[in-house]
Every structure is written in structure tokens, then in C-alpha cells.
Amino acid sequence: MPTLGKTMGQFIFPDSLTSLHRELDYFTKLGASNLEALRTATIYPAQLFNLESEIGSLSVGKSADIVLTKLNPFESLSNSLKSICTVISKGYPIIYTDCIFKGN
């Protein structure tokens, strides 16, 4: 079960988003589907630490950080991560007025 290195318990800032974007991009370049790449940052780490009842997916009662993009990540993960408009972390929204994160 591959997992990303910086996904558990961090407040999300643009620098960590850049790192996450690169890691997800590597997974897809190595042949993982967009869905599998997203799972390496969400449900797989939760399962690894036996926390899937608390984190790792969106569900009532679970704790989650959420990244909202203008584009569909299932169609183009790399492009969608370059169009991040809002991040909700620990219940606080960070709204980018013009999707300021552009990635590398």
C-alpha cells in the first residue's frame, strides 16, 4: 500500500501542496490511475494507521482536510492540482480568489 509522506496531521500551506502535487504526479507517471494516486494521500495512510473510521475519506463524523479545485481530479489530476481554489484545514477555509496555486 503506497502512501504519501506528508499527509497526516499537517496544516496545509502552499509549500506542502507543492510537495503533495509532485508526489501525486510521480504516482501517475509511474502508471497509477488518478484515483489510486489520490488514495495514496487519503484512505491508504488511514488504513495503515488503523484510523479509517476517523480519517481518510469524507463522511459524517470524520475529521478531514479538503482541497477544492476548479477542475475534476479524476480527469486530470495534475491540472486539477494546479487549480486549487479553496483549502479547508482543521475547519478553517483558506480561499484563493484566483486559484493562486499554480504548481510546478
N, C-alpha and C. Protein backbone atom coordinates (compact mmCIF):
# COMPACT_ATOMS: atom_id res chain seq x y z
N MET A 1 0.85 -1.17 0.00
CA MET A 1 0.00 0.00 0.00
C MET A 1 0.89 1.23 0.00
N PRO A 2 1.07 1.91 -1.13
CA PRO A 2 1.88 3.11 -1.16
C PRO A 2 1.16 4.26 -0.49
N THR A 3 1.90 5.08 0.25
CA THR A 3 1.31 6.26 0.88
C THR A 3 2.25 7.44 0.69
N LEU A 4 1.68 8.62 0.75
CA LEU A 4 2.48 9.84 0.64
C LEU A 4 3.07 10.18 1.99
N GLY A 5 4.20 10.86 1.98
CA GLY A 5 4.93 11.13 3.21
C GLY A 5 4.40 12.24 4.08
N LYS A 6 3.68 13.19 3.55
CA LYS A 6 3.31 14.37 4.33
C LYS A 6 1.81 14.57 4.38
N THR A 7 1.06 13.56 4.75
CA THR A 7 -0.39 13.68 4.66
C THR A 7 -1.10 13.65 6.00
N MET A 8 -0.46 13.21 7.05
CA MET A 8 -1.17 13.02 8.31
C MET A 8 -0.92 14.18 9.27
N GLY A 9 -1.99 14.86 9.67
CA GLY A 9 -1.92 15.82 10.76
C GLY A 9 -1.20 17.12 10.48
N GLN A 10 -1.12 17.55 9.25
CA GLN A 10 -0.47 18.82 8.95
C GLN A 10 -1.50 19.85 8.53
N PHE A 11 -1.21 21.10 8.87
CA PHE A 11 -1.99 22.20 8.31
C PHE A 11 -1.49 22.40 6.89
N ILE A 12 -2.36 22.60 5.93
CA ILE A 12 -1.95 22.66 4.54
C ILE A 12 -1.60 24.09 4.13
N PHE A 13 -0.35 24.29 3.76
CA PHE A 13 0.13 25.55 3.22
C PHE A 13 0.57 25.33 1.79
N PRO A 14 0.71 26.39 0.98
CA PRO A 14 1.11 26.20 -0.42
C PRO A 14 2.37 25.37 -0.61
N ASP A 15 3.38 25.49 0.28
CA ASP A 15 4.60 24.68 0.14
C ASP A 15 4.30 23.19 0.26
N SER A 16 3.46 22.81 1.22
CA SER A 16 3.14 21.39 1.36
C SER A 16 2.26 20.93 0.20
N LEU A 17 1.45 21.83 -0.37
CA LEU A 17 0.66 21.47 -1.54
C LEU A 17 1.56 21.21 -2.74
N THR A 18 2.64 21.98 -2.87
CA THR A 18 3.58 21.77 -3.97
C THR A 18 4.22 20.40 -3.85
N SER A 19 4.63 20.04 -2.65
CA SER A 19 5.23 18.72 -2.41
C SER A 19 4.23 17.61 -2.69
N LEU A 20 3.02 17.78 -2.20
CA LEU A 20 1.96 16.79 -2.44
C LEU A 20 1.68 16.65 -3.93
N HIS A 21 1.61 17.79 -4.62
CA HIS A 21 1.35 17.78 -6.05
C HIS A 21 2.43 16.97 -6.77
N ARG A 22 3.69 17.18 -6.44
CA ARG A 22 4.79 16.45 -7.07
C ARG A 22 4.69 14.95 -6.81
N GLU A 23 4.40 14.59 -5.57
CA GLU A 23 4.31 13.17 -5.23
C GLU A 23 3.15 12.49 -5.96
N LEU A 24 2.00 13.15 -6.01
CA LEU A 24 0.87 12.57 -6.74
C LEU A 24 1.18 12.44 -8.22
N ASP A 25 1.86 13.44 -8.77
CA ASP A 25 2.25 13.41 -10.17
C ASP A 25 3.19 12.24 -10.45
N TYR A 26 4.12 11.96 -9.54
CA TYR A 26 5.04 10.82 -9.71
C TYR A 26 4.26 9.51 -9.76
N PHE A 27 3.27 9.36 -8.89
CA PHE A 27 2.49 8.12 -8.88
C PHE A 27 1.80 7.91 -10.23
N THR A 28 1.23 8.98 -10.79
CA THR A 28 0.55 8.80 -12.09
C THR A 28 1.55 8.56 -13.21
N LYS A 29 2.72 9.18 -13.16
CA LYS A 29 3.74 8.94 -14.19
C LYS A 29 4.28 7.51 -14.12
N LEU A 30 4.19 6.90 -12.94
CA LEU A 30 4.63 5.51 -12.78
C LEU A 30 3.52 4.51 -13.10
N GLY A 31 2.37 5.02 -13.54
CA GLY A 31 1.31 4.13 -14.01
C GLY A 31 0.08 4.03 -13.13
N ALA A 32 0.06 4.71 -11.99
CA ALA A 32 -1.13 4.68 -11.14
C ALA A 32 -2.23 5.52 -11.78
N SER A 33 -3.46 5.10 -11.60
CA SER A 33 -4.59 5.91 -12.08
C SER A 33 -4.70 7.14 -11.17
N ASN A 34 -5.45 8.13 -11.61
CA ASN A 34 -5.68 9.31 -10.77
C ASN A 34 -6.33 8.92 -9.45
N LEU A 35 -7.28 8.00 -9.49
CA LEU A 35 -7.94 7.55 -8.28
C LEU A 35 -6.96 6.88 -7.32
N GLU A 36 -6.11 6.00 -7.84
CA GLU A 36 -5.12 5.33 -6.98
C GLU A 36 -4.14 6.34 -6.38
N ALA A 37 -3.72 7.32 -7.17
CA ALA A 37 -2.82 8.35 -6.65
C ALA A 37 -3.49 9.11 -5.51
N LEU A 38 -4.76 9.47 -5.68
CA LEU A 38 -5.47 10.18 -4.61
C LEU A 38 -5.61 9.31 -3.36
N ARG A 39 -5.78 8.04 -3.55
CA ARG A 39 -5.90 7.13 -2.40
C ARG A 39 -4.61 7.07 -1.59
N THR A 40 -3.45 7.29 -2.25
CA THR A 40 -2.18 7.27 -1.51
C THR A 40 -2.08 8.43 -0.54
N ALA A 41 -2.90 9.46 -0.74
CA ALA A 41 -2.89 10.63 0.13
C ALA A 41 -4.07 10.66 1.09
N THR A 42 -4.97 9.69 0.98
CA THR A 42 -6.20 9.75 1.77
C THR A 42 -6.45 8.45 2.54
N ILE A 43 -7.09 7.50 1.91
CA ILE A 43 -7.55 6.30 2.61
C ILE A 43 -6.41 5.35 2.96
N TYR A 44 -5.38 5.24 2.10
CA TYR A 44 -4.30 4.29 2.41
C TYR A 44 -3.53 4.65 3.68
N PRO A 45 -3.14 5.91 3.90
CA PRO A 45 -2.48 6.23 5.18
C PRO A 45 -3.40 5.96 6.38
N ALA A 46 -4.70 6.25 6.22
CA ALA A 46 -5.65 5.99 7.31
C ALA A 46 -5.69 4.49 7.63
N GLN A 47 -5.71 3.66 6.59
CA GLN A 47 -5.72 2.21 6.80
C GLN A 47 -4.42 1.74 7.44
N LEU A 48 -3.31 2.30 6.99
CA LEU A 48 -2.00 1.93 7.52
C LEU A 48 -1.93 2.14 9.03
N PHE A 49 -2.53 3.23 9.50
CA PHE A 49 -2.53 3.54 10.93
C PHE A 49 -3.80 3.10 11.64
N ASN A 50 -4.62 2.29 10.96
CA ASN A 50 -5.86 1.77 11.52
C ASN A 50 -6.78 2.90 12.01
N LEU A 51 -6.87 3.96 11.20
CA LEU A 51 -7.69 5.12 11.55
C LEU A 51 -8.79 5.39 10.53
N GLU A 52 -9.09 4.41 9.68
CA GLU A 52 -10.06 4.67 8.62
C GLU A 52 -11.46 4.99 9.12
N SER A 53 -11.76 4.68 10.38
CA SER A 53 -13.07 5.07 10.92
C SER A 53 -13.08 6.54 11.33
N GLU A 54 -11.90 7.19 11.37
CA GLU A 54 -11.79 8.59 11.79
C GLU A 54 -11.37 9.53 10.67
N ILE A 55 -10.51 9.07 9.76
CA ILE A 55 -9.96 9.91 8.70
C ILE A 55 -9.82 9.10 7.41
N GLY A 56 -9.43 9.77 6.34
CA GLY A 56 -9.11 9.08 5.10
C GLY A 56 -10.16 9.16 4.01
N SER A 57 -11.37 9.54 4.38
CA SER A 57 -12.44 9.71 3.40
C SER A 57 -13.44 10.71 3.99
N LEU A 58 -14.32 11.21 3.13
CA LEU A 58 -15.32 12.17 3.60
C LEU A 58 -16.57 11.43 4.04
N SER A 59 -16.93 11.66 5.29
CA SER A 59 -18.10 11.01 5.85
C SER A 59 -18.49 11.76 7.12
N VAL A 60 -19.77 11.74 7.46
CA VAL A 60 -20.24 12.40 8.67
C VAL A 60 -19.49 11.85 9.88
N GLY A 61 -18.97 12.76 10.70
CA GLY A 61 -18.29 12.37 11.92
C GLY A 61 -16.79 12.18 11.78
N LYS A 62 -16.28 12.18 10.56
CA LYS A 62 -14.84 12.03 10.35
C LYS A 62 -14.17 13.39 10.30
N SER A 63 -12.88 13.41 10.64
CA SER A 63 -12.07 14.61 10.53
C SER A 63 -11.42 14.62 9.15
N ALA A 64 -11.40 15.80 8.50
CA ALA A 64 -10.84 15.84 7.15
C ALA A 64 -10.32 17.22 6.80
N ASP A 65 -9.25 17.25 6.03
CA ASP A 65 -8.81 18.45 5.34
C ASP A 65 -9.29 18.27 3.91
N ILE A 66 -9.78 19.33 3.31
CA ILE A 66 -10.38 19.24 1.99
C ILE A 66 -9.72 20.25 1.06
N VAL A 67 -9.43 19.82 -0.14
CA VAL A 67 -8.89 20.69 -1.18
C VAL A 67 -9.92 20.76 -2.30
N LEU A 68 -10.37 21.97 -2.63
CA LEU A 68 -11.35 22.17 -3.70
C LEU A 68 -10.63 22.75 -4.92
N THR A 69 -10.89 22.16 -6.07
CA THR A 69 -10.26 22.61 -7.30
C THR A 69 -11.31 22.98 -8.33
N LYS A 70 -10.91 23.76 -9.33
CA LYS A 70 -11.83 24.11 -10.42
C LYS A 70 -12.01 22.95 -11.38
N LEU A 71 -10.99 22.10 -11.51
CA LEU A 71 -11.02 21.00 -12.47
C LEU A 71 -11.23 19.67 -11.78
N ASN A 72 -11.73 18.70 -12.52
CA ASN A 72 -12.01 17.37 -12.00
C ASN A 72 -10.72 16.55 -11.87
N PRO A 73 -10.32 16.14 -10.66
CA PRO A 73 -9.07 15.38 -10.50
C PRO A 73 -9.11 13.99 -11.13
N PHE A 74 -10.30 13.46 -11.36
CA PHE A 74 -10.37 12.14 -12.00
C PHE A 74 -10.10 12.22 -13.50
N GLU A 75 -10.28 13.41 -14.07
CA GLU A 75 -9.98 13.59 -15.49
C GLU A 75 -8.53 14.00 -15.71
N SER A 76 -8.03 14.92 -14.88
CA SER A 76 -6.64 15.36 -14.99
C SER A 76 -6.14 15.77 -13.61
N LEU A 77 -5.52 14.84 -12.93
CA LEU A 77 -5.06 15.10 -11.57
C LEU A 77 -4.04 16.23 -11.55
N SER A 78 -3.07 16.19 -12.44
CA SER A 78 -2.03 17.20 -12.47
C SER A 78 -2.61 18.60 -12.69
N ASN A 79 -3.50 18.73 -13.65
CA ASN A 79 -4.10 20.04 -13.92
C ASN A 79 -5.03 20.49 -12.82
N SER A 80 -5.76 19.57 -12.21
CA SER A 80 -6.69 19.97 -11.15
C SER A 80 -5.92 20.49 -9.94
N LEU A 81 -4.76 19.90 -9.66
CA LEU A 81 -3.97 20.37 -8.52
C LEU A 81 -3.32 21.72 -8.78
N LYS A 82 -3.31 22.13 -10.03
CA LYS A 82 -2.82 23.46 -10.37
C LYS A 82 -3.95 24.49 -10.32
N SER A 83 -5.17 24.04 -10.01
CA SER A 83 -6.32 24.95 -9.97
C SER A 83 -7.00 24.93 -8.61
N ILE A 84 -6.21 24.82 -7.56
CA ILE A 84 -6.77 24.80 -6.20
C ILE A 84 -7.34 26.18 -5.87
N CYS A 85 -8.59 26.19 -5.43
CA CYS A 85 -9.28 27.45 -5.11
C CYS A 85 -9.55 27.61 -3.62
N THR A 86 -9.75 26.51 -2.93
CA THR A 86 -10.05 26.57 -1.50
C THR A 86 -9.45 25.36 -0.81
N VAL A 87 -8.89 25.61 0.36
CA VAL A 87 -8.41 24.54 1.23
C VAL A 87 -9.14 24.71 2.55
N ILE A 88 -9.70 23.63 3.06
CA ILE A 88 -10.31 23.66 4.38
C ILE A 88 -9.47 22.73 5.26
N SER A 89 -8.83 23.31 6.26
CA SER A 89 -7.96 22.53 7.13
C SER A 89 -8.31 22.83 8.58
N LYS A 90 -8.54 21.77 9.35
CA LYS A 90 -8.93 21.89 10.75
C LYS A 90 -10.15 22.80 10.92
N GLY A 91 -11.04 22.77 9.91
CA GLY A 91 -12.27 23.53 9.96
C GLY A 91 -12.18 24.96 9.48
N TYR A 92 -10.99 25.41 9.10
CA TYR A 92 -10.80 26.78 8.66
C TYR A 92 -10.59 26.84 7.15
N PRO A 93 -11.41 27.62 6.44
CA PRO A 93 -11.23 27.73 4.98
C PRO A 93 -10.15 28.74 4.63
N ILE A 94 -9.35 28.39 3.65
CA ILE A 94 -8.39 29.31 3.04
C ILE A 94 -8.86 29.43 1.60
N ILE A 95 -9.34 30.59 1.23
CA ILE A 95 -9.94 30.77 -0.09
C ILE A 95 -8.97 31.57 -0.96
N TYR A 96 -8.60 30.98 -2.08
CA TYR A 96 -7.74 31.65 -3.05
C TYR A 96 -8.64 32.31 -4.08
N THR A 97 -8.59 33.63 -4.16
CA THR A 97 -9.54 34.36 -5.01
C THR A 97 -9.38 34.04 -6.49
N ASP A 98 -8.17 33.72 -6.91
CA ASP A 98 -7.94 33.43 -8.34
C ASP A 98 -7.19 32.13 -8.51
N CYS A 99 -7.45 31.17 -7.66
CA CYS A 99 -6.71 29.90 -7.75
C CYS A 99 -5.21 30.17 -7.85
N ILE A 100 -4.66 30.83 -6.84
CA ILE A 100 -3.29 31.32 -6.94
C ILE A 100 -2.23 30.22 -6.97
N PHE A 101 -2.55 29.02 -6.49
CA PHE A 101 -1.57 27.95 -6.54
C PHE A 101 -1.48 27.41 -7.96
N LYS A 102 -0.31 27.47 -8.54
CA LYS A 102 -0.13 27.02 -9.94
C LYS A 102 0.72 25.79 -10.06
N GLY A 103 1.38 25.34 -8.98
CA GLY A 103 2.18 24.12 -9.03
C GLY A 103 3.44 24.28 -9.85
N ASN A 104 4.16 23.17 -9.99
CA ASN A 104 5.40 23.16 -10.77
C ASN A 104 5.29 22.25 -11.96
